[in-house]
């Protein structure tokens, strides 16, 4: 059996902004599936429900010799792990990288993002409370 495993990555960093909620619309896709009754592949329609997810950016600091480098990583959260965190919070995020491509203005672009499988608060940013 040939199975691929996606390596899990741990990143420590600060959220650059509050996580933004986005919605994937409901859609219908057609796929070929095996039907044992007719013993052949047939086309079936499947409907995926509307789905909400959150996106955020994570600033990770590293040192290159004597200079400090800040790397920004795009986070995608399908399971509400980032729901309670806000801008400036220091997080430990676990997930896996994926690269997706899209077409914009006739030009094909690709983007690398970290799909979040777990998030843990390391240090909360001090917020001023409204009186």
N, C-alpha and C. Protein backbone atom coordinates (compact mmCIF):
# COMPACT_ATOMS: atom_id res chain seq x y z
N UNK A 1 0.84 -1.18 0.00
CA UNK A 1 0.00 0.00 0.00
C UNK A 1 0.89 1.24 0.00
N UNK A 2 0.65 2.14 -0.91
CA UNK A 2 1.43 3.36 -1.03
C UNK A 2 0.65 4.52 -0.45
N UNK A 3 1.05 5.00 0.69
CA UNK A 3 0.35 6.13 1.31
C UNK A 3 1.33 7.27 1.51
N UNK A 4 0.87 8.47 1.23
CA UNK A 4 1.71 9.64 1.43
C UNK A 4 1.32 10.30 2.74
N UNK A 5 2.33 10.71 3.47
CA UNK A 5 2.09 11.44 4.71
C UNK A 5 2.57 12.86 4.53
N UNK A 6 1.76 13.79 4.98
CA UNK A 6 2.13 15.19 4.93
C UNK A 6 2.85 15.54 6.22
N UNK A 7 4.06 16.08 6.13
CA UNK A 7 4.78 16.41 7.36
C UNK A 7 4.10 17.54 8.12
N UNK A 8 4.00 17.36 9.44
CA UNK A 8 3.43 18.38 10.31
C UNK A 8 4.53 19.37 10.69
N UNK A 9 4.18 20.66 10.62
CA UNK A 9 5.11 21.74 10.90
C UNK A 9 4.63 22.46 12.16
N UNK A 10 5.57 22.85 13.02
CA UNK A 10 5.27 23.68 14.19
C UNK A 10 5.89 25.05 13.97
N UNK A 11 5.09 26.10 14.08
CA UNK A 11 5.59 27.47 13.96
C UNK A 11 5.22 28.26 15.21
N UNK A 12 6.13 29.11 15.65
CA UNK A 12 5.88 30.02 16.75
C UNK A 12 5.96 31.43 16.19
N UNK A 13 4.91 32.23 16.42
CA UNK A 13 4.94 33.59 15.91
C UNK A 13 3.77 34.41 16.41
N UNK A 14 3.71 35.66 15.96
CA UNK A 14 2.65 36.58 16.36
C UNK A 14 1.67 36.77 15.21
N UNK A 15 0.38 36.84 15.56
CA UNK A 15 -0.63 37.10 14.55
C UNK A 15 -0.49 38.53 14.06
N UNK A 16 -0.52 38.72 12.74
CA UNK A 16 -0.37 40.04 12.16
C UNK A 16 -1.66 40.82 12.14
N UNK A 17 -2.80 40.15 12.19
CA UNK A 17 -4.12 40.79 12.20
C UNK A 17 -5.12 39.80 12.79
N UNK A 18 -6.31 40.30 13.11
CA UNK A 18 -7.36 39.40 13.58
C UNK A 18 -7.70 38.41 12.46
N UNK A 19 -7.94 37.14 12.80
CA UNK A 19 -8.33 36.18 11.77
C UNK A 19 -9.61 36.63 11.05
N UNK A 20 -9.61 36.51 9.75
CA UNK A 20 -10.72 36.96 8.91
C UNK A 20 -11.56 35.74 8.49
N UNK A 21 -12.87 35.82 8.68
CA UNK A 21 -13.76 34.72 8.32
C UNK A 21 -14.19 34.87 6.86
N UNK A 22 -14.08 33.77 6.12
CA UNK A 22 -14.49 33.75 4.71
C UNK A 22 -15.41 32.55 4.50
N UNK A 23 -16.14 32.57 3.38
CA UNK A 23 -17.10 31.51 3.10
C UNK A 23 -16.86 30.93 1.71
N UNK A 24 -16.79 29.59 1.64
CA UNK A 24 -16.77 28.90 0.36
C UNK A 24 -18.22 28.58 0.00
N UNK A 25 -18.69 28.98 -1.17
CA UNK A 25 -20.08 28.73 -1.52
C UNK A 25 -20.36 27.26 -1.79
N UNK A 26 -21.62 26.89 -1.71
CA UNK A 26 -22.05 25.53 -2.04
C UNK A 26 -21.82 25.33 -3.53
N UNK A 27 -21.37 24.11 -3.90
CA UNK A 27 -21.17 23.83 -5.32
C UNK A 27 -21.41 22.36 -5.60
N UNK A 28 -21.69 22.09 -6.88
CA UNK A 28 -21.94 20.73 -7.32
C UNK A 28 -20.81 20.30 -8.25
N UNK A 29 -20.24 19.14 -7.98
CA UNK A 29 -19.16 18.61 -8.81
C UNK A 29 -19.59 17.26 -9.36
N UNK A 30 -19.09 16.92 -10.55
CA UNK A 30 -19.38 15.64 -11.17
C UNK A 30 -18.10 14.81 -11.14
N UNK A 31 -18.23 13.57 -10.65
CA UNK A 31 -17.08 12.68 -10.55
C UNK A 31 -17.44 11.31 -11.06
N UNK A 32 -16.42 10.61 -11.55
CA UNK A 32 -16.61 9.22 -11.94
C UNK A 32 -16.39 8.35 -10.71
N UNK A 33 -17.35 7.46 -10.46
CA UNK A 33 -17.24 6.52 -9.35
C UNK A 33 -17.57 5.13 -9.86
N UNK A 34 -17.04 4.14 -9.19
CA UNK A 34 -17.33 2.76 -9.57
C UNK A 34 -18.68 2.35 -9.02
N UNK A 35 -19.52 1.78 -9.90
CA UNK A 35 -20.83 1.28 -9.50
C UNK A 35 -20.81 -0.24 -9.62
N UNK A 36 -20.88 -0.97 -8.49
CA UNK A 36 -20.79 -2.43 -8.55
C UNK A 36 -22.01 -3.09 -9.22
N UNK A 37 -23.12 -2.40 -9.27
CA UNK A 37 -24.33 -2.99 -9.87
C UNK A 37 -24.14 -3.14 -11.38
N UNK A 38 -23.62 -2.10 -12.04
CA UNK A 38 -23.40 -2.17 -13.49
C UNK A 38 -21.96 -2.58 -13.81
N UNK A 39 -21.11 -2.73 -12.78
CA UNK A 39 -19.72 -3.14 -12.92
C UNK A 39 -18.95 -2.23 -13.88
N UNK A 40 -19.14 -0.91 -13.70
CA UNK A 40 -18.45 0.06 -14.54
C UNK A 40 -18.38 1.40 -13.81
N UNK A 41 -17.60 2.29 -14.35
CA UNK A 41 -17.51 3.64 -13.79
C UNK A 41 -18.64 4.49 -14.35
N UNK A 42 -19.33 5.20 -13.45
CA UNK A 42 -20.44 6.06 -13.86
C UNK A 42 -20.19 7.46 -13.29
N UNK A 43 -20.77 8.46 -13.94
CA UNK A 43 -20.65 9.83 -13.45
C UNK A 43 -21.76 10.13 -12.47
N UNK A 44 -21.39 10.69 -11.32
CA UNK A 44 -22.36 11.06 -10.30
C UNK A 44 -22.12 12.50 -9.89
N UNK A 45 -23.19 13.19 -9.51
CA UNK A 45 -23.09 14.56 -9.01
C UNK A 45 -23.02 14.54 -7.49
N UNK A 46 -22.11 15.31 -6.96
CA UNK A 46 -21.96 15.47 -5.52
C UNK A 46 -22.06 16.95 -5.20
N UNK A 47 -22.76 17.27 -4.13
CA UNK A 47 -22.90 18.66 -3.71
C UNK A 47 -22.10 18.87 -2.43
N UNK A 48 -21.20 19.86 -2.46
CA UNK A 48 -20.45 20.20 -1.26
C UNK A 48 -21.18 21.35 -0.58
N UNK A 49 -21.38 21.27 0.72
CA UNK A 49 -22.13 22.33 1.43
C UNK A 49 -21.30 23.61 1.55
N UNK A 50 -21.97 24.69 1.87
CA UNK A 50 -21.29 25.95 2.14
C UNK A 50 -20.41 25.76 3.37
N UNK A 51 -19.21 26.35 3.34
CA UNK A 51 -18.25 26.10 4.40
C UNK A 51 -17.53 27.39 4.77
N UNK A 52 -17.39 27.63 6.06
CA UNK A 52 -16.67 28.81 6.52
C UNK A 52 -15.27 28.41 6.98
N UNK A 53 -14.33 29.32 6.78
CA UNK A 53 -12.96 29.11 7.24
C UNK A 53 -12.37 30.46 7.62
N UNK A 54 -11.24 30.42 8.31
CA UNK A 54 -10.58 31.65 8.74
C UNK A 54 -9.19 31.71 8.10
N UNK A 55 -8.78 32.94 7.78
CA UNK A 55 -7.42 33.17 7.28
C UNK A 55 -6.75 34.19 8.19
N UNK A 56 -5.44 34.06 8.31
CA UNK A 56 -4.67 34.99 9.12
C UNK A 56 -3.23 34.95 8.62
N UNK A 57 -2.41 35.85 9.14
CA UNK A 57 -0.99 35.84 8.82
C UNK A 57 -0.21 35.73 10.12
N UNK A 58 0.89 35.01 10.06
CA UNK A 58 1.72 34.76 11.23
C UNK A 58 3.13 35.27 10.95
N UNK A 59 3.64 36.14 11.82
CA UNK A 59 5.00 36.68 11.69
C UNK A 59 5.94 35.81 12.52
N UNK A 60 6.92 35.22 11.85
CA UNK A 60 7.91 34.37 12.51
C UNK A 60 9.26 35.05 12.38
N UNK A 61 9.93 35.29 13.50
CA UNK A 61 11.23 35.95 13.50
C UNK A 61 12.35 34.92 13.52
N UNK A 62 13.41 35.20 12.74
CA UNK A 62 14.58 34.33 12.71
C UNK A 62 15.81 35.23 12.61
N UNK A 63 16.97 34.67 12.95
CA UNK A 63 18.21 35.44 12.86
C UNK A 63 19.06 34.89 11.73
N UNK A 64 19.58 35.82 10.92
CA UNK A 64 20.49 35.48 9.84
C UNK A 64 21.80 36.19 10.12
N UNK A 65 22.68 35.49 10.79
CA UNK A 65 23.93 36.15 11.24
C UNK A 65 23.60 37.10 12.36
N UNK A 66 23.77 38.39 12.12
CA UNK A 66 23.46 39.38 13.15
C UNK A 66 22.16 40.12 12.87
N UNK A 67 21.59 39.97 11.68
CA UNK A 67 20.35 40.66 11.36
C UNK A 67 19.15 39.75 11.61
N UNK A 68 18.06 40.37 11.98
CA UNK A 68 16.83 39.62 12.26
C UNK A 68 15.92 39.68 11.04
N UNK A 69 15.36 38.54 10.67
CA UNK A 69 14.48 38.43 9.51
C UNK A 69 13.09 38.06 10.00
N UNK A 70 12.07 38.73 9.47
CA UNK A 70 10.68 38.38 9.78
C UNK A 70 10.07 37.73 8.55
N UNK A 71 9.56 36.52 8.72
CA UNK A 71 8.88 35.80 7.65
C UNK A 71 7.40 35.78 7.95
N UNK A 72 6.59 36.06 6.93
CA UNK A 72 5.14 36.03 7.08
C UNK A 72 4.59 34.77 6.44
N UNK A 73 3.74 34.06 7.18
CA UNK A 73 3.12 32.84 6.68
C UNK A 73 1.61 33.04 6.66
N UNK A 74 0.98 32.64 5.56
CA UNK A 74 -0.48 32.70 5.44
C UNK A 74 -1.05 31.45 6.10
N UNK A 75 -2.00 31.65 7.02
CA UNK A 75 -2.65 30.55 7.72
C UNK A 75 -4.06 30.37 7.20
N UNK A 76 -4.49 29.11 7.04
CA UNK A 76 -5.85 28.78 6.66
C UNK A 76 -6.37 27.80 7.70
N UNK A 77 -7.51 28.12 8.31
CA UNK A 77 -8.07 27.32 9.40
C UNK A 77 -9.48 26.89 9.04
N UNK A 78 -9.69 25.61 8.81
CA UNK A 78 -11.01 25.08 8.47
C UNK A 78 -11.76 24.59 9.70
N UNK A 79 -11.10 24.51 10.86
CA UNK A 79 -11.70 23.87 12.03
C UNK A 79 -11.85 24.80 13.24
N UNK A 80 -11.86 26.12 13.04
CA UNK A 80 -12.10 27.09 14.11
C UNK A 80 -11.01 27.12 15.19
N UNK A 81 -9.78 26.73 14.86
CA UNK A 81 -8.70 26.79 15.85
C UNK A 81 -8.30 28.23 16.18
N UNK A 82 -8.44 29.13 15.21
CA UNK A 82 -8.01 30.52 15.40
C UNK A 82 -9.14 31.45 15.83
N UNK A 83 -10.28 30.91 16.18
CA UNK A 83 -11.47 31.73 16.44
C UNK A 83 -11.30 32.70 17.61
N UNK A 84 -10.56 32.33 18.63
CA UNK A 84 -10.49 33.15 19.84
C UNK A 84 -9.24 34.03 19.91
N UNK A 85 -8.37 33.95 18.92
CA UNK A 85 -7.12 34.71 18.97
C UNK A 85 -7.24 36.02 18.23
N UNK A 86 -6.43 37.00 18.63
CA UNK A 86 -6.49 38.35 18.06
C UNK A 86 -5.08 38.80 17.66
N UNK A 87 -5.03 39.93 16.99
CA UNK A 87 -3.79 40.52 16.51
C UNK A 87 -2.79 40.68 17.65
N UNK A 88 -1.56 40.28 17.42
CA UNK A 88 -0.50 40.43 18.41
C UNK A 88 -0.32 39.24 19.33
N UNK A 89 -1.28 38.32 19.40
CA UNK A 89 -1.12 37.14 20.25
C UNK A 89 0.01 36.26 19.73
N UNK A 90 0.82 35.74 20.65
CA UNK A 90 1.89 34.81 20.27
C UNK A 90 1.32 33.40 20.31
N UNK A 91 1.44 32.70 19.18
CA UNK A 91 0.84 31.38 19.04
C UNK A 91 1.87 30.32 18.68
N UNK A 92 1.55 29.10 19.08
CA UNK A 92 2.24 27.92 18.57
C UNK A 92 1.23 27.26 17.64
N UNK A 93 1.57 27.16 16.36
CA UNK A 93 0.63 26.64 15.36
C UNK A 93 1.21 25.37 14.76
N UNK A 94 0.37 24.34 14.65
CA UNK A 94 0.77 23.09 14.00
C UNK A 94 -0.07 22.92 12.76
N UNK A 95 0.54 22.44 11.69
CA UNK A 95 -0.19 22.22 10.46
C UNK A 95 0.71 21.71 9.36
N UNK A 96 0.23 21.80 8.13
CA UNK A 96 1.02 21.35 6.98
C UNK A 96 0.91 22.38 5.87
N UNK A 97 1.99 22.50 5.11
CA UNK A 97 2.01 23.43 3.99
C UNK A 97 1.33 22.81 2.78
N UNK A 98 0.61 23.65 2.03
CA UNK A 98 0.08 23.24 0.74
C UNK A 98 0.26 24.40 -0.22
N UNK A 99 0.42 24.08 -1.47
CA UNK A 99 0.55 25.08 -2.51
C UNK A 99 -0.66 24.97 -3.40
N UNK A 100 -1.32 26.07 -3.63
CA UNK A 100 -2.47 26.04 -4.54
C UNK A 100 -2.27 27.08 -5.62
N UNK A 101 -2.85 26.81 -6.77
CA UNK A 101 -2.71 27.73 -7.90
C UNK A 101 -4.08 28.27 -8.27
N UNK A 102 -4.07 29.48 -8.82
CA UNK A 102 -5.30 30.11 -9.27
C UNK A 102 -4.95 31.02 -10.44
N UNK A 103 -5.99 31.43 -11.18
CA UNK A 103 -5.78 32.32 -12.31
C UNK A 103 -6.38 33.68 -12.00
N UNK A 104 -5.58 34.73 -12.18
CA UNK A 104 -6.05 36.09 -11.95
C UNK A 104 -5.61 36.94 -13.13
N UNK A 105 -6.57 37.59 -13.77
CA UNK A 105 -6.31 38.43 -14.94
C UNK A 105 -5.58 37.65 -16.04
N UNK A 106 -5.94 36.39 -16.21
CA UNK A 106 -5.33 35.57 -17.25
C UNK A 106 -3.95 35.05 -16.92
N UNK A 107 -3.46 35.36 -15.75
CA UNK A 107 -2.12 34.93 -15.34
C UNK A 107 -2.24 33.91 -14.21
N UNK A 108 -1.51 32.79 -14.35
CA UNK A 108 -1.56 31.75 -13.34
C UNK A 108 -0.63 32.11 -12.19
N UNK A 109 -1.16 32.06 -10.97
CA UNK A 109 -0.39 32.39 -9.77
C UNK A 109 -0.46 31.21 -8.81
N UNK A 110 0.54 31.12 -7.94
CA UNK A 110 0.52 30.07 -6.92
C UNK A 110 0.81 30.71 -5.57
N UNK A 111 0.27 30.09 -4.54
CA UNK A 111 0.43 30.61 -3.18
C UNK A 111 0.67 29.43 -2.25
N UNK A 112 1.57 29.63 -1.27
CA UNK A 112 1.84 28.59 -0.28
C UNK A 112 1.21 29.02 1.03
N UNK A 113 0.46 28.13 1.64
CA UNK A 113 -0.22 28.45 2.88
C UNK A 113 -0.12 27.29 3.85
N UNK A 114 -0.23 27.60 5.13
CA UNK A 114 -0.18 26.59 6.18
C UNK A 114 -1.61 26.28 6.60
N UNK A 115 -2.03 25.04 6.42
CA UNK A 115 -3.35 24.60 6.86
C UNK A 115 -3.22 24.21 8.33
N UNK A 116 -3.94 24.92 9.19
CA UNK A 116 -3.81 24.78 10.64
C UNK A 116 -4.57 23.53 11.12
N UNK A 117 -3.85 22.66 11.86
CA UNK A 117 -4.50 21.50 12.47
C UNK A 117 -4.59 21.65 13.99
N UNK A 118 -3.81 22.57 14.56
CA UNK A 118 -3.89 22.86 16.00
C UNK A 118 -3.24 24.22 16.26
N UNK A 119 -3.74 24.93 17.27
CA UNK A 119 -3.16 26.21 17.66
C UNK A 119 -3.23 26.33 19.18
N UNK A 120 -2.18 26.88 19.74
CA UNK A 120 -2.09 27.02 21.19
C UNK A 120 -1.56 28.42 21.50
N UNK A 121 -2.18 29.08 22.45
CA UNK A 121 -1.76 30.42 22.86
C UNK A 121 -0.52 30.32 23.73
N UNK A 122 0.56 31.00 23.32
CA UNK A 122 1.79 31.04 24.11
C UNK A 122 1.80 32.28 25.00
N UNK A 123 1.40 33.43 24.45
CA UNK A 123 1.38 34.67 25.21
C UNK A 123 0.35 35.61 24.61
N UNK A 124 -0.56 36.09 25.44
CA UNK A 124 -1.59 37.00 24.96
C UNK A 124 -1.09 38.42 24.98
N UNK A 125 -1.39 39.17 23.94
CA UNK A 125 -1.03 40.57 23.91
C UNK A 125 -1.90 41.30 24.91
N UNK A 126 -1.30 42.22 25.66
CA UNK A 126 -2.05 43.00 26.65
C UNK A 126 -2.94 43.98 25.89
N UNK A 127 -4.23 43.94 26.18
CA UNK A 127 -5.18 44.81 25.52
C UNK A 127 -5.74 45.81 26.53
N UNK A 128 -5.96 47.02 26.10
CA UNK A 128 -6.56 47.99 26.99
C UNK A 128 -8.07 47.75 27.00
N UNK A 129 -8.63 47.71 28.17
CA UNK A 129 -10.06 47.44 28.32
C UNK A 129 -10.84 48.74 28.27
N UNK A 130 -11.96 48.70 27.57
CA UNK A 130 -12.83 49.88 27.48
C UNK A 130 -13.62 50.01 28.76
N UNK A 131 -13.72 51.21 29.25
CA UNK A 131 -14.43 51.44 30.52
C UNK A 131 -15.88 51.73 30.29
